[in-house]
Amino acid sequence: AEQMRERVFAYSIALPDDIGAQRWEQV
């Protein structure tokens, strides 16, 4: 649970430049 909270916090402070998309290929 503590690791999950830390991860949620890290994502919650993402800046606009940290948000994006990457090309993806999948069968």
PDB file of all heavy atoms in Angstrom:
ATOM      1  N   ALA A   1       0.819  -1.214   0.000  1.00  0.00           N
ATOM      2  CA  ALA A   1       0.000   0.000   0.000  1.00  0.00           C
ATOM      3  C   ALA A   1       0.856   1.269   0.000  1.00  0.00           C
ATOM      4  O   ALA A   1       0.530   2.245  -0.692  1.00  0.00           O
ATOM      5  CB  ALA A   1      -0.943  -0.001   1.196  1.00  0.00           C
ATOM      6  N   GLU A   2       1.943   1.262   0.758  1.00  0.00           N
ATOM      7  CA  GLU A   2       2.806   2.451   0.810  1.00  0.00           C
ATOM      8  C   GLU A   2       3.468   2.713  -0.537  1.00  0.00           C
ATOM      9  O   GLU A   2       3.547   3.854  -0.995  1.00  0.00           O
ATOM     10  CB  GLU A   2       3.869   2.301   1.908  1.00  0.00           C
ATOM     11  CG  GLU A   2       4.719   3.545   2.087  1.00  0.00           C
ATOM     12  CD  GLU A   2       3.936   4.786   2.473  1.00  0.00           C
ATOM     13  OE1 GLU A   2       2.893   4.674   3.136  1.00  0.00           O
ATOM     14  OE2 GLU A   2       4.379   5.894   2.091  1.00  0.00           O
ATOM     15  N   GLN A   3       3.916   1.672  -1.201  1.00  0.00           N
ATOM     16  CA  GLN A   3       4.513   1.831  -2.535  1.00  0.00           C
ATOM     17  C   GLN A   3       3.487   2.361  -3.526  1.00  0.00           C
ATOM     18  O   GLN A   3       3.806   3.196  -4.375  1.00  0.00           O
ATOM     19  CB  GLN A   3       5.080   0.497  -3.026  1.00  0.00           C
ATOM     20  CG  GLN A   3       6.304   0.050  -2.266  1.00  0.00           C
ATOM     21  CD  GLN A   3       6.693  -1.376  -2.588  1.00  0.00           C
ATOM     22  OE1 GLN A   3       5.845  -2.248  -2.762  1.00  0.00           O
ATOM     23  NE2 GLN A   3       7.992  -1.632  -2.658  1.00  0.00           N
ATOM     24  N   MET A   4       2.253   1.875  -3.411  1.00  0.00           N
ATOM     25  CA  MET A   4       1.185   2.352  -4.291  1.00  0.00           C
ATOM     26  C   MET A   4       0.920   3.839  -4.059  1.00  0.00           C
ATOM     27  O   MET A   4       0.782   4.610  -5.002  1.00  0.00           O
ATOM     28  CB  MET A   4      -0.088   1.542  -4.076  1.00  0.00           C
ATOM     29  CG  MET A   4      -1.222   1.979  -4.971  1.00  0.00           C
ATOM     30  SD  MET A   4      -0.888   1.747  -6.722  1.00  0.00           S
ATOM     31  CE  MET A   4      -1.289   0.042  -6.889  1.00  0.00           C
ATOM     32  N   ARG A   5       0.866   4.255  -2.798  1.00  0.00           N
ATOM     33  CA  ARG A   5       0.660   5.678  -2.487  1.00  0.00           C
ATOM     34  C   ARG A   5       1.792   6.526  -3.061  1.00  0.00           C
ATOM     35  O   ARG A   5       1.554   7.613  -3.594  1.00  0.00           O
ATOM     36  CB  ARG A   5       0.539   5.889  -0.976  1.00  0.00           C
ATOM     37  CG  ARG A   5      -0.819   5.527  -0.419  1.00  0.00           C
ATOM     38  CD  ARG A   5      -0.981   5.985   1.023  1.00  0.00           C
ATOM     39  NE  ARG A   5      -0.120   5.243   1.942  1.00  0.00           N
ATOM     40  CZ  ARG A   5      -0.449   4.081   2.490  1.00  0.00           C
ATOM     41  NH1 ARG A   5      -1.600   3.520   2.242  1.00  0.00           N
ATOM     42  NH2 ARG A   5       0.389   3.476   3.320  1.00  0.00           N
ATOM     43  N   GLU A   6       3.020   6.042  -2.942  1.00  0.00           N
ATOM     44  CA  GLU A   6       4.169   6.780  -3.479  1.00  0.00           C
ATOM     45  C   GLU A   6       4.080   6.908  -5.003  1.00  0.00           C
ATOM     46  O   GLU A   6       4.375   7.955  -5.563  1.00  0.00           O
ATOM     47  CB  GLU A   6       5.472   6.090  -3.081  1.00  0.00           C
ATOM     48  CG  GLU A   6       5.797   6.236  -1.612  1.00  0.00           C
ATOM     49  CD  GLU A   6       6.983   5.395  -1.182  1.00  0.00           C
ATOM     50  OE1 GLU A   6       7.606   4.725  -2.035  1.00  0.00           O
ATOM     51  OE2 GLU A   6       7.292   5.407   0.024  1.00  0.00           O
ATOM     52  N   ARG A   7       3.657   5.843  -5.649  1.00  0.00           N
ATOM     53  CA  ARG A   7       3.535   5.870  -7.107  1.00  0.00           C
ATOM     54  C   ARG A   7       2.419   6.826  -7.538  1.00  0.00           C
ATOM     55  O   ARG A   7       2.581   7.608  -8.469  1.00  0.00           O
ATOM     56  CB  ARG A   7       3.273   4.472  -7.643  1.00  0.00           C
ATOM     57  CG  ARG A   7       3.280   4.434  -9.160  1.00  0.00           C
ATOM     58  CD  ARG A   7       3.271   3.045  -9.689  1.00  0.00           C
ATOM     59  NE  ARG A   7       4.570   2.428  -9.456  1.00  0.00           N
ATOM     60  CZ  ARG A   7       4.916   1.247  -9.897  1.00  0.00           C
ATOM     61  NH1 ARG A   7       4.070   0.525 -10.592  1.00  0.00           N
ATOM     62  NH2 ARG A   7       6.116   0.761  -9.659  1.00  0.00           N
ATOM     63  N   VAL A   8       1.292   6.770  -6.837  1.00  0.00           N
ATOM     64  CA  VAL A   8       0.181   7.684  -7.143  1.00  0.00           C
ATOM     65  C   VAL A   8       0.637   9.124  -6.961  1.00  0.00           C
ATOM     66  O   VAL A   8       0.355   9.987  -7.792  1.00  0.00           O
ATOM     67  CB  VAL A   8      -1.060   7.368  -6.274  1.00  0.00           C
ATOM     68  CG1 VAL A   8      -2.091   8.490  -6.343  1.00  0.00           C
ATOM     69  CG2 VAL A   8      -1.685   6.048  -6.718  1.00  0.00           C
ATOM     70  N   PHE A   9       1.369   9.401  -5.886  1.00  0.00           N
ATOM     71  CA  PHE A   9       1.872  10.755  -5.659  1.00  0.00           C
ATOM     72  C   PHE A   9       2.800  11.186  -6.796  1.00  0.00           C
ATOM     73  O   PHE A   9       2.690  12.288  -7.317  1.00  0.00           O
ATOM     74  CB  PHE A   9       2.605  10.860  -4.318  1.00  0.00           C
ATOM     75  CG  PHE A   9       3.268  12.194  -4.133  1.00  0.00           C
ATOM     76  CD1 PHE A   9       2.508  13.339  -3.939  1.00  0.00           C
ATOM     77  CD2 PHE A   9       4.646  12.315  -4.189  1.00  0.00           C
ATOM     78  CE1 PHE A   9       3.116  14.584  -3.800  1.00  0.00           C
ATOM     79  CE2 PHE A   9       5.261  13.541  -4.042  1.00  0.00           C
ATOM     80  CZ  PHE A   9       4.503  14.681  -3.848  1.00  0.00           C
ATOM     81  N   ALA A  10       3.721  10.313  -7.194  1.00  0.00           N
ATOM     82  CA  ALA A  10       4.659  10.651  -8.276  1.00  0.00           C
ATOM     83  C   ALA A  10       3.912  11.002  -9.558  1.00  0.00           C
ATOM     84  O   ALA A  10       4.245  11.983 -10.229  1.00  0.00           O
ATOM     85  CB  ALA A  10       5.622   9.491  -8.517  1.00  0.00           C
ATOM     86  N   TYR A  11       2.911  10.220  -9.907  1.00  0.00           N
ATOM     87  CA  TYR A  11       2.129  10.528 -11.109  1.00  0.00           C
ATOM     88  C   TYR A  11       1.292  11.797 -10.924  1.00  0.00           C
ATOM     89  O   TYR A  11       1.060  12.540 -11.861  1.00  0.00           O
ATOM     90  CB  TYR A  11       1.222   9.355 -11.482  1.00  0.00           C
ATOM     91  CG  TYR A  11       1.940   8.216 -12.170  1.00  0.00           C
ATOM     92  CD1 TYR A  11       1.840   6.916 -11.684  1.00  0.00           C
ATOM     93  CD2 TYR A  11       2.708   8.428 -13.304  1.00  0.00           C
ATOM     94  CE1 TYR A  11       2.487   5.859 -12.319  1.00  0.00           C
ATOM     95  CE2 TYR A  11       3.367   7.385 -13.932  1.00  0.00           C
ATOM     96  CZ  TYR A  11       3.249   6.109 -13.445  1.00  0.00           C
ATOM     97  OH  TYR A  11       3.891   5.076 -14.074  1.00  0.00           O
ATOM     98  N   SER A  12       0.846  12.053  -9.699  1.00  0.00           N
ATOM     99  CA  SER A  12      -0.008  13.221  -9.467  1.00  0.00           C
ATOM    100  C   SER A  12       0.730  14.545  -9.661  1.00  0.00           C
ATOM    101  O   SER A  12       0.102  15.578  -9.892  1.00  0.00           O
ATOM    102  CB  SER A  12      -0.620  13.166  -8.065  1.00  0.00           C
ATOM    103  OG  SER A  12       0.343  13.493  -7.071  1.00  0.00           O
ATOM    104  N   ILE A  13       2.052  14.531  -9.563  1.00  0.00           N
ATOM    105  CA  ILE A  13       2.820  15.772  -9.723  1.00  0.00           C
ATOM    106  C   ILE A  13       3.467  15.886 -11.102  1.00  0.00           C
ATOM    107  O   ILE A  13       4.318  16.741 -11.325  1.00  0.00           O
ATOM    108  CB  ILE A  13       3.883  15.923  -8.614  1.00  0.00           C
ATOM    109  CG1 ILE A  13       4.887  14.781  -8.645  1.00  0.00           C
ATOM    110  CG2 ILE A  13       3.207  16.066  -7.244  1.00  0.00           C
ATOM    111  CD1 ILE A  13       6.081  14.957  -7.719  1.00  0.00           C
ATOM    112  N   ALA A  14       3.045  15.023 -12.024  1.00  0.00           N
ATOM    113  CA  ALA A  14       3.596  15.076 -13.386  1.00  0.00           C
ATOM    114  C   ALA A  14       3.294  16.434 -14.023  1.00  0.00           C
ATOM    115  O   ALA A  14       2.187  16.968 -13.887  1.00  0.00           O
ATOM    116  CB  ALA A  14       2.996  13.959 -14.240  1.00  0.00           C
ATOM    117  N   LEU A  15       4.266  16.979 -14.692  1.00  0.00           N
ATOM    118  CA  LEU A  15       4.115  18.239 -15.404  1.00  0.00           C
ATOM    119  C   LEU A  15       3.586  17.974 -16.809  1.00  0.00           C
ATOM    120  O   LEU A  15       3.697  16.855 -17.317  1.00  0.00           O
ATOM    121  CB  LEU A  15       5.467  18.952 -15.477  1.00  0.00           C
ATOM    122  CG  LEU A  15       6.106  19.286 -14.135  1.00  0.00           C
ATOM    123  CD1 LEU A  15       7.513  19.833 -14.340  1.00  0.00           C
ATOM    124  CD2 LEU A  15       5.238  20.250 -13.353  1.00  0.00           C
ATOM    125  N   PRO A  16       3.037  18.989 -17.470  1.00  0.00           N
ATOM    126  CA  PRO A  16       2.540  18.786 -18.840  1.00  0.00           C
ATOM    127  C   PRO A  16       3.579  18.165 -19.774  1.00  0.00           C
ATOM    128  O   PRO A  16       3.225  17.335 -20.625  1.00  0.00           O
ATOM    129  CB  PRO A  16       2.149  20.195 -19.285  1.00  0.00           C
ATOM    130  CG  PRO A  16       1.756  20.880 -18.013  1.00  0.00           C
ATOM    131  CD  PRO A  16       2.725  20.340 -16.978  1.00  0.00           C
ATOM    132  N   ASP A  17       4.844  18.526 -19.608  1.00  0.00           N
ATOM    133  CA  ASP A  17       5.894  17.951 -20.459  1.00  0.00           C
ATOM    134  C   ASP A  17       6.151  16.473 -20.169  1.00  0.00           C
ATOM    135  O   ASP A  17       6.781  15.786 -20.966  1.00  0.00           O
ATOM    136  CB  ASP A  17       7.205  18.719 -20.305  1.00  0.00           C
ATOM    137  CG  ASP A  17       7.158  20.086 -20.963  1.00  0.00           C
ATOM    138  OD1 ASP A  17       6.216  20.341 -21.748  1.00  0.00           O
ATOM    139  OD2 ASP A  17       8.060  20.891 -20.702  1.00  0.00           O
ATOM    140  N   ASP A  18       5.685  15.976 -19.019  1.00  0.00           N
ATOM    141  CA  ASP A  18       5.862  14.570 -18.653  1.00  0.00           C
ATOM    142  C   ASP A  18       4.777  13.674 -19.244  1.00  0.00           C
ATOM    143  O   ASP A  18       4.879  12.457 -19.206  1.00  0.00           O
ATOM    144  CB  ASP A  18       5.836  14.407 -17.124  1.00  0.00           C
ATOM    145  CG  ASP A  18       6.947  15.169 -16.443  1.00  0.00           C
ATOM    146  OD1 ASP A  18       8.071  15.198 -16.991  1.00  0.00           O
ATOM    147  OD2 ASP A  18       6.697  15.732 -15.360  1.00  0.00           O
ATOM    148  N   ILE A  19       3.726  14.285 -19.762  1.00  0.00           N
ATOM    149  CA  ILE A  19       2.564  13.571 -20.298  1.00  0.00           C
ATOM    150  C   ILE A  19       2.709  13.464 -21.805  1.00  0.00           C
ATOM    151  O   ILE A  19       3.010  14.448 -22.474  1.00  0.00           O
ATOM    152  CB  ILE A  19       1.269  14.319 -19.928  1.00  0.00           C
ATOM    153  CG1 ILE A  19       1.114  14.369 -18.411  1.00  0.00           C
ATOM    154  CG2 ILE A  19       0.055  13.692 -20.601  1.00  0.00           C
ATOM    155  CD1 ILE A  19       0.035  15.304 -17.930  1.00  0.00           C
ATOM    156  N   GLY A  20       2.506  12.254 -22.338  1.00  0.00           N
ATOM    157  CA  GLY A  20       2.664  12.109 -23.780  1.00  0.00           C
ATOM    158  C   GLY A  20       2.089  10.820 -24.309  1.00  0.00           C
ATOM    159  O   GLY A  20       1.198  10.212 -23.713  1.00  0.00           O
ATOM    160  N   ALA A  21       2.633  10.406 -25.449  1.00  0.00           N
ATOM    161  CA  ALA A  21       2.217   9.175 -26.102  1.00  0.00           C
ATOM    162  C   ALA A  21       3.379   8.642 -26.915  1.00  0.00           C
ATOM    163  O   ALA A  21       4.235   9.407 -27.366  1.00  0.00           O
ATOM    164  CB  ALA A  21       1.017   9.437 -27.006  1.00  0.00           C
ATOM    165  N   GLN A  22       3.412   7.339 -27.074  1.00  0.00           N
ATOM    166  CA  GLN A  22       4.445   6.698 -27.883  1.00  0.00           C
ATOM    167  C   GLN A  22       3.770   5.777 -28.890  1.00  0.00           C
ATOM    168  O   GLN A  22       2.701   5.236 -28.625  1.00  0.00           O
ATOM    169  CB  GLN A  22       5.377   5.873 -27.002  1.00  0.00           C
ATOM    170  CG  GLN A  22       6.201   6.680 -26.050  1.00  0.00           C
ATOM    171  CD  GLN A  22       7.051   5.789 -25.135  1.00  0.00           C
ATOM    172  OE1 GLN A  22       6.962   4.579 -25.153  1.00  0.00           O
ATOM    173  NE2 GLN A  22       7.875   6.433 -24.324  1.00  0.00           N
ATOM    174  N   ARG A  23       4.439   5.609 -30.024  1.00  0.00           N
ATOM    175  CA  ARG A  23       3.949   4.654 -31.019  1.00  0.00           C
ATOM    176  C   ARG A  23       3.941   3.272 -30.394  1.00  0.00           C
ATOM    177  O   ARG A  23       4.796   2.945 -29.577  1.00  0.00           O
ATOM    178  CB  ARG A  23       4.838   4.657 -32.268  1.00  0.00           C
ATOM    179  CG  ARG A  23       4.781   5.934 -33.068  1.00  0.00           C
ATOM    180  CD  ARG A  23       3.455   6.235 -33.684  1.00  0.00           C
ATOM    181  NE  ARG A  23       3.169   5.333 -34.802  1.00  0.00           N
ATOM    182  CZ  ARG A  23       1.997   5.226 -35.389  1.00  0.00           C
ATOM    183  NH1 ARG A  23       0.987   5.958 -34.987  1.00  0.00           N
ATOM    184  NH2 ARG A  23       1.814   4.402 -36.377  1.00  0.00           N
ATOM    185  N   TRP A  24       2.973   2.444 -30.793  1.00  0.00           N
ATOM    186  CA  TRP A  24       2.836   1.119 -30.221  1.00  0.00           C
ATOM    187  C   TRP A  24       2.383   0.156 -31.294  1.00  0.00           C
ATOM    188  O   TRP A  24       1.526   0.488 -32.104  1.00  0.00           O
ATOM    189  CB  TRP A  24       1.800   1.172 -29.103  1.00  0.00           C
ATOM    190  CG  TRP A  24       1.800  -0.018 -28.210  1.00  0.00           C
ATOM    191  CD1 TRP A  24       0.996  -1.112 -28.303  1.00  0.00           C
ATOM    192  CD2 TRP A  24       2.628  -0.240 -27.076  1.00  0.00           C
ATOM    193  NE1 TRP A  24       1.271  -1.996 -27.310  1.00  0.00           N
ATOM    194  CE2 TRP A  24       2.277  -1.479 -26.535  1.00  0.00           C
ATOM    195  CE3 TRP A  24       3.643   0.495 -26.478  1.00  0.00           C
ATOM    196  CZ2 TRP A  24       2.907  -2.007 -25.401  1.00  0.00           C
ATOM    197  CZ3 TRP A  24       4.258  -0.028 -25.362  1.00  0.00           C
ATOM    198  CH2 TRP A  24       3.895  -1.263 -24.832  1.00  0.00           C
ATOM    199  N   GLU A  25       2.966  -1.014 -31.289  1.00  0.00           N
ATOM    200  CA  GLU A  25       2.549  -2.065 -32.213  1.00  0.00           C
ATOM    201  C   GLU A  25       2.156  -3.288 -31.404  1.00  0.00           C
ATOM    202  O   GLU A  25       2.800  -3.615 -30.414  1.00  0.00           O
ATOM    203  CB  GLU A  25       3.680  -2.423 -33.170  1.00  0.00           C
ATOM    204  CG  GLU A  25       4.038  -1.302 -34.117  1.00  0.00           C
ATOM    205  CD  GLU A  25       5.146  -1.681 -35.088  1.00  0.00           C
ATOM    206  OE1 GLU A  25       5.801  -2.726 -34.884  1.00  0.00           O
ATOM    207  OE2 GLU A  25       5.352  -0.925 -36.043  1.00  0.00           O
ATOM    208  N   GLN A  26       1.095  -3.944 -31.867  1.00  0.00           N
ATOM    209  CA  GLN A  26       0.564  -5.074 -31.121  1.00  0.00           C
ATOM    210  C   GLN A  26      -0.141  -6.020 -32.105  1.00  0.00           C
ATOM    211  O   GLN A  26      -0.781  -5.554 -33.051  1.00  0.00           O
ATOM    212  CB  GLN A  26      -0.433  -4.511 -30.112  1.00  0.00           C
ATOM    213  CG  GLN A  26      -0.983  -5.437 -29.102  1.00  0.00           C
ATOM    214  CD  GLN A  26      -1.853  -4.661 -28.127  1.00  0.00           C
ATOM    215  OE1 GLN A  26      -2.780  -3.970 -28.538  1.00  0.00           O
ATOM    216  NE2 GLN A  26      -1.556  -4.767 -26.851  1.00  0.00           N
ATOM    217  N   VAL A  27      -0.033  -7.310 -31.876  1.00  0.00           N
ATOM    218  CA  VAL A  27      -0.762  -8.265 -32.710  1.00  0.00           C
ATOM    219  C   VAL A  27      -2.159  -8.431 -32.126  1.00  0.00           C
ATOM    220  O   VAL A  27      -2.314  -8.751 -30.944  1.00  0.00           O
ATOM    221  CB  VAL A  27      -0.032  -9.624 -32.780  1.00  0.00           C
ATOM    222  CG1 VAL A  27      -0.862 -10.629 -33.566  1.00  0.00           C
ATOM    223  CG2 VAL A  27       1.340  -9.445 -33.404  1.00  0.00           C
TER     224      VAL A  27
END
